[in-house]
Structure formats: C-alpha cells, structure tokens
C-alpha cells in the first residue's frame, strides 16, 4: 500500500481515478484528514485528503513516478507500507486488477 495526501478533494479524486485507470492501483481510498506539520520553518495545520493506494509492491517505483508527475505539491508525501497478510480472495483480486511490474495487464 502507498500513501499520499493532497490539498483538495478534487485533486484527490483525479489522482485516485488516474491510478486505477492506468492499473497502477486496484483501489484508492480517499479520506479527509487534518495535517499538522512544519514546512519551510513555518508551523502549519491544513485540511488534506489522504489517499491509500492499493497496489503491488513490485509497482512501487511506477506508482511513485506517476504520483510525482501528477501531484500538485513540490514535495509530496509518498510512503510505501508493507502488507504482511490479507484475505487471499482480496489479494487475488488486487493482483488481477493491476498490471504486472513490466506494464502488462494480467
């Protein structure tokens, strides 16, 4: 799973849809969050939309490249979180819904 966040629901919707349409993700969940952080020496509190990108570990580099090319932030959060286990039926669906690391649809 890959996490990223954007500043508007519209930007989240576009990025989520693009990731699914390109089969870099089987599913992207979007949820509103409050983020507290320091950026360029200034303390900030912002409303953001967190995207949980359900993808294959082998696609991380392609997902990162895609997010960097389409993300509105200069330095977006892009974190890969390992999935240690899960429902076998769900994981099979995820594999069937994403391309392989070589870009081929299965």
PDB file of N, CA and C in Angstrom:
ATOM      1  N   UNK A   1       0.850  -1.167   0.000  1.00  0.00           N
ATOM      2  CA  UNK A   1       0.000   0.000   0.000  1.00  0.00           C
ATOM      3  C   UNK A   1       0.898   1.233   0.000  1.00  0.00           C
ATOM      4  N   UNK A   2       0.472   2.237  -0.746  1.00  0.00           N
ATOM      5  CA  UNK A   2       1.194   3.500  -0.833  1.00  0.00           C
ATOM      6  C   UNK A   2       0.276   4.597  -0.324  1.00  0.00           C
ATOM      7  N   UNK A   3       0.836   5.521   0.463  1.00  0.00           N
ATOM      8  CA  UNK A   3       0.076   6.663   0.973  1.00  0.00           C
ATOM      9  C   UNK A   3       0.593   7.947   0.347  1.00  0.00           C
ATOM     10  N   UNK A   4      -0.342   8.839   0.075  1.00  0.00           N
ATOM     11  CA  UNK A   4      -0.002  10.200  -0.302  1.00  0.00           C
ATOM     12  C   UNK A   4      -1.165  11.079   0.129  1.00  0.00           C
ATOM     13  N   UNK A   5      -0.968  12.377   0.151  1.00  0.00           N
ATOM     14  CA  UNK A   5      -2.031  13.302   0.530  1.00  0.00           C
ATOM     15  C   UNK A   5      -1.981  14.516  -0.382  1.00  0.00           C
ATOM     16  N   UNK A   6      -3.156  15.070  -0.668  1.00  0.00           N
ATOM     17  CA  UNK A   6      -3.276  16.277  -1.491  1.00  0.00           C
ATOM     18  C   UNK A   6      -4.177  17.276  -0.777  1.00  0.00           C
ATOM     19  N   UNK A   7      -4.187  18.509  -1.252  1.00  0.00           N
ATOM     20  CA  UNK A   7      -4.879  19.580  -0.562  1.00  0.00           C
ATOM     21  C   UNK A   7      -6.339  19.780  -0.900  1.00  0.00           C
ATOM     22  N   UNK A   8      -6.870  19.052  -1.874  1.00  0.00           N
ATOM     23  CA  UNK A   8      -8.285  19.233  -2.207  1.00  0.00           C
ATOM     24  C   UNK A   8      -8.919  17.905  -2.594  1.00  0.00           C
ATOM     25  N   UNK A   9     -10.221  17.829  -2.399  1.00  0.00           N
ATOM     26  CA  UNK A   9     -10.946  16.621  -2.772  1.00  0.00           C
ATOM     27  C   UNK A   9     -10.900  16.401  -4.277  1.00  0.00           C
ATOM     28  N   UNK A  10     -10.974  17.490  -5.031  1.00  0.00           N
ATOM     29  CA  UNK A  10     -10.929  17.375  -6.494  1.00  0.00           C
ATOM     30  C   UNK A  10      -9.599  16.786  -6.954  1.00  0.00           C
ATOM     31  N   UNK A  11      -8.488  17.263  -6.380  1.00  0.00           N
ATOM     32  CA  UNK A  11      -7.174  16.724  -6.741  1.00  0.00           C
ATOM     33  C   UNK A  11      -7.059  15.256  -6.338  1.00  0.00           C
ATOM     34  N   UNK A  12      -7.614  14.900  -5.182  1.00  0.00           N
ATOM     35  CA  UNK A  12      -7.597  13.508  -4.727  1.00  0.00           C
ATOM     36  C   UNK A  12      -8.380  12.622  -5.681  1.00  0.00           C
ATOM     37  N   UNK A  13      -9.558  13.086  -6.085  1.00  0.00           N
ATOM     38  CA  UNK A  13     -10.396  12.301  -6.988  1.00  0.00           C
ATOM     39  C   UNK A  13      -9.697  12.059  -8.329  1.00  0.00           C
ATOM     40  N   UNK A  14      -9.067  13.087  -8.864  1.00  0.00           N
ATOM     41  CA  UNK A  14      -8.381  12.953 -10.157  1.00  0.00           C
ATOM     42  C   UNK A  14      -7.219  11.975 -10.039  1.00  0.00           C
ATOM     43  N   UNK A  15      -6.398  12.139  -9.017  1.00  0.00           N
ATOM     44  CA  UNK A  15      -5.239  11.262  -8.849  1.00  0.00           C
ATOM     45  C   UNK A  15      -5.671   9.815  -8.610  1.00  0.00           C
ATOM     46  N   UNK A  16      -6.675   9.625  -7.778  1.00  0.00           N
ATOM     47  CA  UNK A  16      -7.177   8.268  -7.497  1.00  0.00           C
ATOM     48  C   UNK A  16      -7.693   7.618  -8.773  1.00  0.00           C
ATOM     49  N   UNK A  17      -8.496   8.342  -9.534  1.00  0.00           N
ATOM     50  CA  UNK A  17      -9.057   7.793 -10.766  1.00  0.00           C
ATOM     51  C   UNK A  17      -7.965   7.432 -11.764  1.00  0.00           C
ATOM     52  N   UNK A  18      -6.959   8.297 -11.888  1.00  0.00           N
ATOM     53  CA  UNK A  18      -5.867   8.034 -12.828  1.00  0.00           C
ATOM     54  C   UNK A  18      -5.072   6.791 -12.426  1.00  0.00           C
ATOM     55  N   UNK A  19      -4.811   6.631 -11.137  1.00  0.00           N
ATOM     56  CA  UNK A  19      -4.062   5.463 -10.675  1.00  0.00           C
ATOM     57  C   UNK A  19      -4.815   4.168 -10.968  1.00  0.00           C
ATOM     58  N   UNK A  20      -6.132   4.193 -10.790  1.00  0.00           N
ATOM     59  CA  UNK A  20      -6.934   2.997 -11.064  1.00  0.00           C
ATOM     60  C   UNK A  20      -7.044   2.755 -12.567  1.00  0.00           C
ATOM     61  N   UNK A  21      -7.289   3.802 -13.336  1.00  0.00           N
ATOM     62  CA  UNK A  21      -7.447   3.650 -14.788  1.00  0.00           C
ATOM     63  C   UNK A  21      -6.182   3.137 -15.472  1.00  0.00           C
ATOM     64  N   UNK A  22      -5.015   3.504 -14.932  1.00  0.00           N
ATOM     65  CA  UNK A  22      -3.756   3.042 -15.509  1.00  0.00           C
ATOM     66  C   UNK A  22      -3.338   1.683 -14.952  1.00  0.00           C
ATOM     67  N   UNK A  23      -4.154   1.114 -14.089  1.00  0.00           N
ATOM     68  CA  UNK A  23      -3.913  -0.174 -13.433  1.00  0.00           C
ATOM     69  C   UNK A  23      -2.652  -0.185 -12.582  1.00  0.00           C
ATOM     70  N   UNK A  24      -2.256   1.000 -12.112  1.00  0.00           N
ATOM     71  CA  UNK A  24      -1.188   1.068 -11.122  1.00  0.00           C
ATOM     72  C   UNK A  24      -1.745   0.780  -9.731  1.00  0.00           C
ATOM     73  N   UNK A  25      -3.054   0.884  -9.581  1.00  0.00           N
ATOM     74  CA  UNK A  25      -3.729   0.583  -8.321  1.00  0.00           C
ATOM     75  C   UNK A  25      -5.011  -0.179  -8.610  1.00  0.00           C
ATOM     76  N   UNK A  26      -5.326  -1.107  -7.727  1.00  0.00           N
ATOM     77  CA  UNK A  26      -6.601  -1.818  -7.826  1.00  0.00           C
ATOM     78  C   UNK A  26      -7.705  -0.978  -7.211  1.00  0.00           C
ATOM     79  N   UNK A  27      -7.351  -0.198  -6.195  1.00  0.00           N
ATOM     80  CA  UNK A  27      -8.318   0.610  -5.450  1.00  0.00           C
ATOM     81  C   UNK A  27      -7.553   1.745  -4.793  1.00  0.00           C
ATOM     82  N   UNK A  28      -8.192   2.900  -4.702  1.00  0.00           N
ATOM     83  CA  UNK A  28      -7.632   4.012  -3.948  1.00  0.00           C
ATOM     84  C   UNK A  28      -8.732   4.534  -3.042  1.00  0.00           C
ATOM     85  N   UNK A  29      -8.471   4.533  -1.755  1.00  0.00           N
ATOM     86  CA  UNK A  29      -9.422   5.093  -0.806  1.00  0.00           C
ATOM     87  C   UNK A  29      -9.004   6.521  -0.507  1.00  0.00           C
ATOM     88  N   UNK A  30      -9.986   7.420  -0.458  1.00  0.00           N
ATOM     89  CA  UNK A  30      -9.743   8.842  -0.222  1.00  0.00           C
ATOM     90  C   UNK A  30     -10.504   9.249   1.032  1.00  0.00           C
ATOM     91  N   UNK A  31      -9.794   9.894   1.948  1.00  0.00           N
ATOM     92  CA  UNK A  31     -10.463  10.336   3.173  1.00  0.00           C
ATOM     93  C   UNK A  31      -9.927  11.689   3.622  1.00  0.00           C
ATOM     94  N   UNK A  32     -10.820  12.525   4.157  1.00  0.00           N
ATOM     95  CA  UNK A  32     -10.371  13.819   4.660  1.00  0.00           C
ATOM     96  C   UNK A  32      -9.601  13.646   5.969  1.00  0.00           C
ATOM     97  N   UNK A  33      -8.522  14.426   6.122  1.00  0.00           N
ATOM     98  CA  UNK A  33      -7.702  14.398   7.333  1.00  0.00           C
ATOM     99  C   UNK A  33      -7.256  15.816   7.669  1.00  0.00           C
ATOM    100  N   UNK A  34      -6.797  16.025   8.898  1.00  0.00           N
ATOM    101  CA  UNK A  34      -6.123  17.266   9.295  1.00  0.00           C
ATOM    102  C   UNK A  34      -4.652  16.928   9.441  1.00  0.00           C
ATOM    103  N   UNK A  35      -3.807  17.725   8.837  1.00  0.00           N
ATOM    104  CA  UNK A  35      -2.368  17.503   8.927  1.00  0.00           C
ATOM    105  C   UNK A  35      -1.717  18.657   9.673  1.00  0.00           C
ATOM    106  N   UNK A  36      -0.855  18.323  10.619  1.00  0.00           N
ATOM    107  CA  UNK A  36      -0.083  19.286  11.391  1.00  0.00           C
ATOM    108  C   UNK A  36       1.382  19.031  11.078  1.00  0.00           C
ATOM    109  N   UNK A  37       2.101  20.069  10.619  1.00  0.00           N
ATOM    110  CA  UNK A  37       3.489  19.865  10.215  1.00  0.00           C
ATOM    111  C   UNK A  37       4.214  21.199  10.150  1.00  0.00           C
ATOM    112  N   UNK A  38       5.519  21.136  10.005  1.00  0.00           N
ATOM    113  CA  UNK A  38       6.338  22.327   9.805  1.00  0.00           C
ATOM    114  C   UNK A  38       6.866  22.264   8.380  1.00  0.00           C
ATOM    115  N   UNK A  39       6.651  23.335   7.613  1.00  0.00           N
ATOM    116  CA  UNK A  39       7.125  23.408   6.232  1.00  0.00           C
ATOM    117  C   UNK A  39       7.827  24.734   6.038  1.00  0.00           C
ATOM    118  N   UNK A  40       9.058  24.685   5.596  1.00  0.00           N
ATOM    119  CA  UNK A  40       9.889  25.867   5.363  1.00  0.00           C
ATOM    120  C   UNK A  40       9.904  26.773   6.595  1.00  0.00           C
ATOM    121  N   UNK A  41      10.071  26.133   7.776  1.00  0.00           N
ATOM    122  CA  UNK A  41      10.198  26.857   9.028  1.00  0.00           C
ATOM    123  C   UNK A  41       8.906  27.374   9.622  1.00  0.00           C
ATOM    124  N   UNK A  42       7.792  27.085   8.997  1.00  0.00           N
ATOM    125  CA  UNK A  42       6.502  27.597   9.458  1.00  0.00           C
ATOM    126  C   UNK A  42       5.603  26.437   9.899  1.00  0.00           C
ATOM    127  N   UNK A  43       5.024  26.585  11.087  1.00  0.00           N
ATOM    128  CA  UNK A  43       4.099  25.581  11.596  1.00  0.00           C
ATOM    129  C   UNK A  43       2.778  25.699  10.845  1.00  0.00           C
ATOM    130  N   UNK A  44       2.266  24.546  10.392  1.00  0.00           N
ATOM    131  CA  UNK A  44       1.045  24.552   9.584  1.00  0.00           C
ATOM    132  C   UNK A  44       0.016  23.573  10.128  1.00  0.00           C
ATOM    133  N   UNK A  45      -1.226  23.878   9.853  1.00  0.00           N
ATOM    134  CA  UNK A  45      -2.356  22.987  10.105  1.00  0.00           C
ATOM    135  C   UNK A  45      -3.229  23.093   8.867  1.00  0.00           C
ATOM    136  N   UNK A  46      -3.383  21.992   8.155  1.00  0.00           N
ATOM    137  CA  UNK A  46      -4.080  22.025   6.865  1.00  0.00           C
ATOM    138  C   UNK A  46      -5.090  20.888   6.759  1.00  0.00           C
ATOM    139  N   UNK A  47      -6.159  21.153   6.069  1.00  0.00           N
ATOM    140  CA  UNK A  47      -7.075  20.086   5.667  1.00  0.00           C
ATOM    141  C   UNK A  47      -6.481  19.448   4.418  1.00  0.00           C
ATOM    142  N   UNK A  48      -6.406  18.130   4.419  1.00  0.00           N
ATOM    143  CA  UNK A  48      -5.895  17.408   3.264  1.00  0.00           C
ATOM    144  C   UNK A  48      -6.774  16.189   3.014  1.00  0.00           C
ATOM    145  N   UNK A  49      -6.501  15.535   1.908  1.00  0.00           N
ATOM    146  CA  UNK A  49      -7.181  14.285   1.570  1.00  0.00           C
ATOM    147  C   UNK A  49      -6.116  13.207   1.427  1.00  0.00           C
ATOM    148  N   UNK A  50      -6.234  12.188   2.269  1.00  0.00           N
ATOM    149  CA  UNK A  50      -5.294  11.089   2.297  1.00  0.00           C
ATOM    150  C   UNK A  50      -5.723  10.029   1.296  1.00  0.00           C
ATOM    151  N   UNK A  51      -4.796   9.596   0.471  1.00  0.00           N
ATOM    152  CA  UNK A  51      -5.060   8.532  -0.491  1.00  0.00           C
ATOM    153  C   UNK A  51      -4.325   7.278  -0.043  1.00  0.00           C
ATOM    154  N   UNK A  52      -5.059   6.195   0.106  1.00  0.00           N
ATOM    155  CA  UNK A  52      -4.481   4.882   0.381  1.00  0.00           C
ATOM    156  C   UNK A  52      -4.556   4.094  -0.918  1.00  0.00           C
ATOM    157  N   UNK A  53      -3.408   3.892  -1.527  1.00  0.00           N
ATOM    158  CA  UNK A  53      -3.305   3.296  -2.849  1.00  0.00           C
ATOM    159  C   UNK A  53      -3.013   1.803  -2.683  1.00  0.00           C
ATOM    160  N   UNK A  54      -3.954   0.968  -3.098  1.00  0.00           N
ATOM    161  CA  UNK A  54      -3.791  -0.480  -3.001  1.00  0.00           C
ATOM    162  C   UNK A  54      -3.133  -0.963  -4.292  1.00  0.00           C
ATOM    163  N   UNK A  55      -1.902  -1.429  -4.168  1.00  0.00           N
ATOM    164  CA  UNK A  55      -1.121  -1.807  -5.338  1.00  0.00           C
ATOM    165  C   UNK A  55      -0.184  -2.955  -4.996  1.00  0.00           C
ATOM    166  N   UNK A  56       0.566  -3.393  -5.979  1.00  0.00           N
ATOM    167  CA  UNK A  56       1.580  -4.434  -5.783  1.00  0.00           C
ATOM    168  C   UNK A  56       2.882  -3.786  -5.320  1.00  0.00           C
ATOM    169  N   UNK A  57       3.628  -4.473  -4.477  1.00  0.00           N
ATOM    170  CA  UNK A  57       4.940  -3.972  -4.053  1.00  0.00           C
ATOM    171  C   UNK A  57       5.842  -3.743  -5.262  1.00  0.00           C
ATOM    172  N   UNK A  58       5.752  -4.610  -6.241  1.00  0.00           N
ATOM    173  CA  UNK A  58       6.606  -4.515  -7.430  1.00  0.00           C
ATOM    174  C   UNK A  58       6.297  -3.281  -8.284  1.00  0.00           C
ATOM    175  N   UNK A  59       5.146  -2.660  -8.073  1.00  0.00           N
ATOM    176  CA  UNK A  59       4.777  -1.472  -8.844  1.00  0.00           C
ATOM    177  C   UNK A  59       5.155  -0.170  -8.140  1.00  0.00           C
ATOM    178  N   UNK A  60       5.791  -0.258  -6.965  1.00  0.00           N
ATOM    179  CA  UNK A  60       6.062   0.964  -6.204  1.00  0.00           C
ATOM    180  C   UNK A  60       6.783   2.027  -7.033  1.00  0.00           C
ATOM    181  N   UNK A  61       7.841   1.672  -7.712  1.00  0.00           N
ATOM    182  CA  UNK A  61       8.611   2.674  -8.472  1.00  0.00           C
ATOM    183  C   UNK A  61       7.739   3.365  -9.514  1.00  0.00           C
ATOM    184  N   UNK A  62       6.880   2.618 -10.193  1.00  0.00           N
ATOM    185  CA  UNK A  62       5.997   3.205 -11.193  1.00  0.00           C
ATOM    186  C   UNK A  62       4.938   4.099 -10.536  1.00  0.00           C
ATOM    187  N   UNK A  63       4.418   3.663  -9.397  1.00  0.00           N
ATOM    188  CA  UNK A  63       3.427   4.471  -8.674  1.00  0.00           C
ATOM    189  C   UNK A  63       4.075   5.769  -8.193  1.00  0.00           C
ATOM    190  N   UNK A  64       5.269   5.676  -7.638  1.00  0.00           N
ATOM    191  CA  UNK A  64       5.973   6.883  -7.170  1.00  0.00           C
ATOM    192  C   UNK A  64       6.212   7.860  -8.325  1.00  0.00           C
ATOM    193  N   UNK A  65       6.707   7.349  -9.448  1.00  0.00           N
ATOM    194  CA  UNK A  65       6.955   8.196 -10.616  1.00  0.00           C
ATOM    195  C   UNK A  65       5.664   8.864 -11.080  1.00  0.00           C
ATOM    196  N   UNK A  66       4.566   8.102 -11.111  1.00  0.00           N
ATOM    197  CA  UNK A  66       3.277   8.640 -11.542  1.00  0.00           C
ATOM    198  C   UNK A  66       2.797   9.728 -10.586  1.00  0.00           C
ATOM    199  N   UNK A  67       2.879   9.461  -9.281  1.00  0.00           N
ATOM    200  CA  UNK A  67       2.439  10.462  -8.300  1.00  0.00           C
ATOM    201  C   UNK A  67       3.282  11.721  -8.421  1.00  0.00           C
ATOM    202  N   UNK A  68       4.593  11.589  -8.520  1.00  0.00           N
ATOM    203  CA  UNK A  68       5.456  12.770  -8.657  1.00  0.00           C
ATOM    204  C   UNK A  68       5.100  13.591  -9.890  1.00  0.00           C
ATOM    205  N   UNK A  69       4.748  12.929 -10.982  1.00  0.00           N
ATOM    206  CA  UNK A  69       4.414  13.633 -12.225  1.00  0.00           C
ATOM    207  C   UNK A  69       3.047  14.309 -12.176  1.00  0.00           C
ATOM    208  N   UNK A  70       2.137  13.822 -11.320  1.00  0.00           N
ATOM    209  CA  UNK A  70       0.766  14.332 -11.311  1.00  0.00           C
ATOM    210  C   UNK A  70       0.347  15.013 -10.009  1.00  0.00           C
ATOM    211  N   UNK A  71       1.239  15.102  -9.058  1.00  0.00           N
ATOM    212  CA  UNK A  71       0.902  15.646  -7.740  1.00  0.00           C
ATOM    213  C   UNK A  71       1.083  17.158  -7.722  1.00  0.00           C
ATOM    214  N   UNK A  72       0.180  17.890  -7.068  1.00  0.00           N
ATOM    215  CA  UNK A  72       0.300  19.344  -7.048  1.00  0.00           C
ATOM    216  C   UNK A  72       1.370  19.889  -6.086  1.00  0.00           C
ATOM    217  N   UNK A  73       1.860  19.093  -5.140  1.00  0.00           N
ATOM    218  CA  UNK A  73       2.854  19.575  -4.168  1.00  0.00           C
ATOM    219  C   UNK A  73       4.266  19.480  -4.735  1.00  0.00           C
ATOM    220  N   UNK A  74       5.143  20.367  -4.273  1.00  0.00           N
ATOM    221  CA  UNK A  74       6.555  20.309  -4.650  1.00  0.00           C
ATOM    222  C   UNK A  74       7.226  19.067  -4.068  1.00  0.00           C
ATOM    223  N   UNK A  75       6.889  18.737  -2.832  1.00  0.00           N
ATOM    224  CA  UNK A  75       7.477  17.591  -2.145  1.00  0.00           C
ATOM    225  C   UNK A  75       6.354  16.758  -1.529  1.00  0.00           C
ATOM    226  N   UNK A  76       5.703  15.926  -2.331  1.00  0.00           N
ATOM    227  CA  UNK A  76       4.576  15.157  -1.793  1.00  0.00           C
ATOM    228  C   UNK A  76       5.021  14.016  -0.883  1.00  0.00           C
ATOM    229  N   UNK A  77       4.165  13.714   0.067  1.00  0.00           N
ATOM    230  CA  UNK A  77       4.336  12.502   0.862  1.00  0.00           C
ATOM    231  C   UNK A  77       4.069  11.320  -0.058  1.00  0.00           C
ATOM    232  N   UNK A  78       5.024  10.414  -0.133  1.00  0.00           N
ATOM    233  CA  UNK A  78       4.824   9.154  -0.847  1.00  0.00           C
ATOM    234  C   UNK A  78       5.499   8.093   0.012  1.00  0.00           C
ATOM    235  N   UNK A  79       4.689   7.292   0.670  1.00  0.00           N
ATOM    236  CA  UNK A  79       5.207   6.266   1.568  1.00  0.00           C
ATOM    237  C   UNK A  79       4.653   4.906   1.166  1.00  0.00           C
ATOM    238  N   UNK A  80       5.528   3.926   1.121  1.00  0.00           N
ATOM    239  CA  UNK A  80       5.081   2.559   0.870  1.00  0.00           C
ATOM    240  C   UNK A  80       4.987   1.846   2.217  1.00  0.00           C
ATOM    241  N   UNK A  81       3.839   1.239   2.475  1.00  0.00           N
ATOM    242  CA  UNK A  81       3.619   0.471   3.695  1.00  0.00           C
ATOM    243  C   UNK A  81       3.473  -0.989   3.313  1.00  0.00           C
ATOM    244  N   UNK A  82       4.232  -1.870   3.939  1.00  0.00           N
ATOM    245  CA  UNK A  82       4.127  -3.281   3.572  1.00  0.00           C
ATOM    246  C   UNK A  82       2.814  -3.891   4.061  1.00  0.00           C
ATOM    247  N   UNK A  83       2.248  -4.727   3.235  1.00  0.00           N
ATOM    248  CA  UNK A  83       1.080  -5.518   3.633  1.00  0.00           C
ATOM    249  C   UNK A  83       1.620  -6.900   3.963  1.00  0.00           C
ATOM    250  N   UNK A  84       1.532  -7.279   5.218  1.00  0.00           N
ATOM    251  CA  UNK A  84       2.123  -8.541   5.653  1.00  0.00           C
ATOM    252  C   UNK A  84       1.229  -9.732   5.377  1.00  0.00           C
ATOM    253  N   UNK A  85      -0.058  -9.517   5.412  1.00  0.00           N
ATOM    254  CA  UNK A  85      -1.000 -10.593   5.134  1.00  0.00           C
ATOM    255  C   UNK A  85      -2.347  -9.970   4.804  1.00  0.00           C
ATOM    256  N   UNK A  86      -3.245 -10.784   4.320  1.00  0.00           N
ATOM    257  CA  UNK A  86      -4.578 -10.305   3.985  1.00  0.00           C
ATOM    258  C   UNK A  86      -5.419 -11.451   3.475  1.00  0.00           C
ATOM    259  N   UNK A  87      -6.667 -11.160   3.267  1.00  0.00           N
ATOM    260  CA  UNK A  87      -7.588 -12.149   2.724  1.00  0.00           C
ATOM    261  C   UNK A  87      -7.077 -12.607   1.357  1.00  0.00           C
ATOM    262  N   UNK A  88      -6.985 -13.912   1.162  1.00  0.00           N
ATOM    263  CA  UNK A  88      -6.456 -14.416  -0.107  1.00  0.00           C
ATOM    264  C   UNK A  88      -7.333 -14.001  -1.280  1.00  0.00           C
ATOM    265  N   UNK A  89      -8.651 -13.976  -1.088  1.00  0.00           N
ATOM    266  CA  UNK A  89      -9.545 -13.555  -2.173  1.00  0.00           C
ATOM    267  C   UNK A  89      -9.297 -12.090  -2.545  1.00  0.00           C
ATOM    268  N   UNK A  90      -9.119 -11.231  -1.532  1.00  0.00           N
ATOM    269  CA  UNK A  90      -8.855  -9.812  -1.801  1.00  0.00           C
ATOM    270  C   UNK A  90      -7.512  -9.646  -2.500  1.00  0.00           C
ATOM    271  N   UNK A  91      -6.499 -10.330  -2.023  1.00  0.00           N
ATOM    272  CA  UNK A  91      -5.174 -10.198  -2.629  1.00  0.00           C
ATOM    273  C   UNK A  91      -5.158 -10.716  -4.065  1.00  0.00           C
ATOM    274  N   UNK A  92      -5.918 -11.764  -4.358  1.00  0.00           N
ATOM    275  CA  UNK A  92      -6.027 -12.251  -5.734  1.00  0.00           C
ATOM    276  C   UNK A  92      -6.720 -11.214  -6.620  1.00  0.00           C
ATOM    277  N   UNK A  93      -7.764 -10.575  -6.089  1.00  0.00           N
ATOM    278  CA  UNK A  93      -8.450  -9.510  -6.832  1.00  0.00           C
ATOM    279  C   UNK A  93      -7.487  -8.360  -7.109  1.00  0.00           C
ATOM    280  N   UNK A  94      -6.683  -7.987  -6.106  1.00  0.00           N
ATOM    281  CA  UNK A  94      -5.718  -6.900  -6.284  1.00  0.00           C
ATOM    282  C   UNK A  94      -4.742  -7.246  -7.412  1.00  0.00           C
ATOM    283  N   UNK A  95      -4.231  -8.447  -7.423  1.00  0.00           N
ATOM    284  CA  UNK A  95      -3.316  -8.859  -8.493  1.00  0.00           C
ATOM    285  C   UNK A  95      -3.992  -8.832  -9.854  1.00  0.00           C
ATOM    286  N   UNK A  96      -5.230  -9.300  -9.914  1.00  0.00           N
ATOM    287  CA  UNK A  96      -5.962  -9.330 -11.184  1.00  0.00           C
ATOM    288  C   UNK A  96      -6.320  -7.926 -11.678  1.00  0.00           C
ATOM    289  N   UNK A  97      -6.380  -6.962 -10.771  1.00  0.00           N
ATOM    290  CA  UNK A  97      -6.812  -5.599 -11.112  1.00  0.00           C
ATOM    291  C   UNK A  97      -5.676  -4.650 -11.419  1.00  0.00           C
ATOM    292  N   UNK A  98      -4.436  -5.108 -11.276  1.00  0.00           N
ATOM    293  CA  UNK A  98      -3.281  -4.259 -11.532  1.00  0.00           C
ATOM    294  C   UNK A  98      -2.397  -4.908 -12.587  1.00  0.00           C
ATOM    295  N   UNK A  99      -1.608  -4.073 -13.231  1.00  0.00           N
ATOM    296  CA  UNK A  99      -0.666  -4.595 -14.226  1.00  0.00           C
ATOM    297  C   UNK A  99       0.515  -5.222 -13.510  1.00  0.00           C
ATOM    298  N   UNK A 100       1.266  -6.044 -14.210  1.00  0.00           N
ATOM    299  CA  UNK A 100       2.481  -6.578 -13.598  1.00  0.00           C
ATOM    300  C   UNK A 100       3.562  -5.499 -13.666  1.00  0.00           C
ATOM    301  N   UNK A 101       4.684  -5.724 -13.036  1.00  0.00           N
ATOM    302  CA  UNK A 101       5.737  -4.706 -12.966  1.00  0.00           C
ATOM    303  C   UNK A 101       6.281  -4.329 -14.336  1.00  0.00           C
ATOM    304  N   UNK A 102       6.124  -5.209 -15.326  1.00  0.00           N
ATOM    305  CA  UNK A 102       6.565  -4.906 -16.678  1.00  0.00           C
ATOM    306  C   UNK A 102       5.555  -4.101 -17.480  1.00  0.00           C
ATOM    307  N   UNK A 103       4.409  -3.779 -16.856  1.00  0.00           N
ATOM    308  CA  UNK A 103       3.404  -2.972 -17.512  1.00  0.00           C
ATOM    309  C   UNK A 103       2.312  -3.750 -18.196  1.00  0.00           C
ATOM    310  N   UNK A 104       2.362  -5.073 -18.111  1.00  0.00           N
ATOM    311  CA  UNK A 104       1.369  -5.903 -18.784  1.00  0.00           C
ATOM    312  C   UNK A 104       0.130  -6.102 -17.903  1.00  0.00           C
ATOM    313  N   UNK A 105      -1.035  -6.035 -18.525  1.00  0.00           N
ATOM    314  CA  UNK A 105      -2.272  -6.358 -17.839  1.00  0.00           C
ATOM    315  C   UNK A 105      -2.390  -7.865 -17.779  1.00  0.00           C
ATOM    316  N   UNK A 106      -2.772  -8.370 -16.621  1.00  0.00           N
ATOM    317  CA  UNK A 106      -2.879  -9.823 -16.469  1.00  0.00           C
ATOM    318  C   UNK A 106      -4.238 -10.306 -16.886  1.00  0.00           C
TER     319      UNK A 106
END
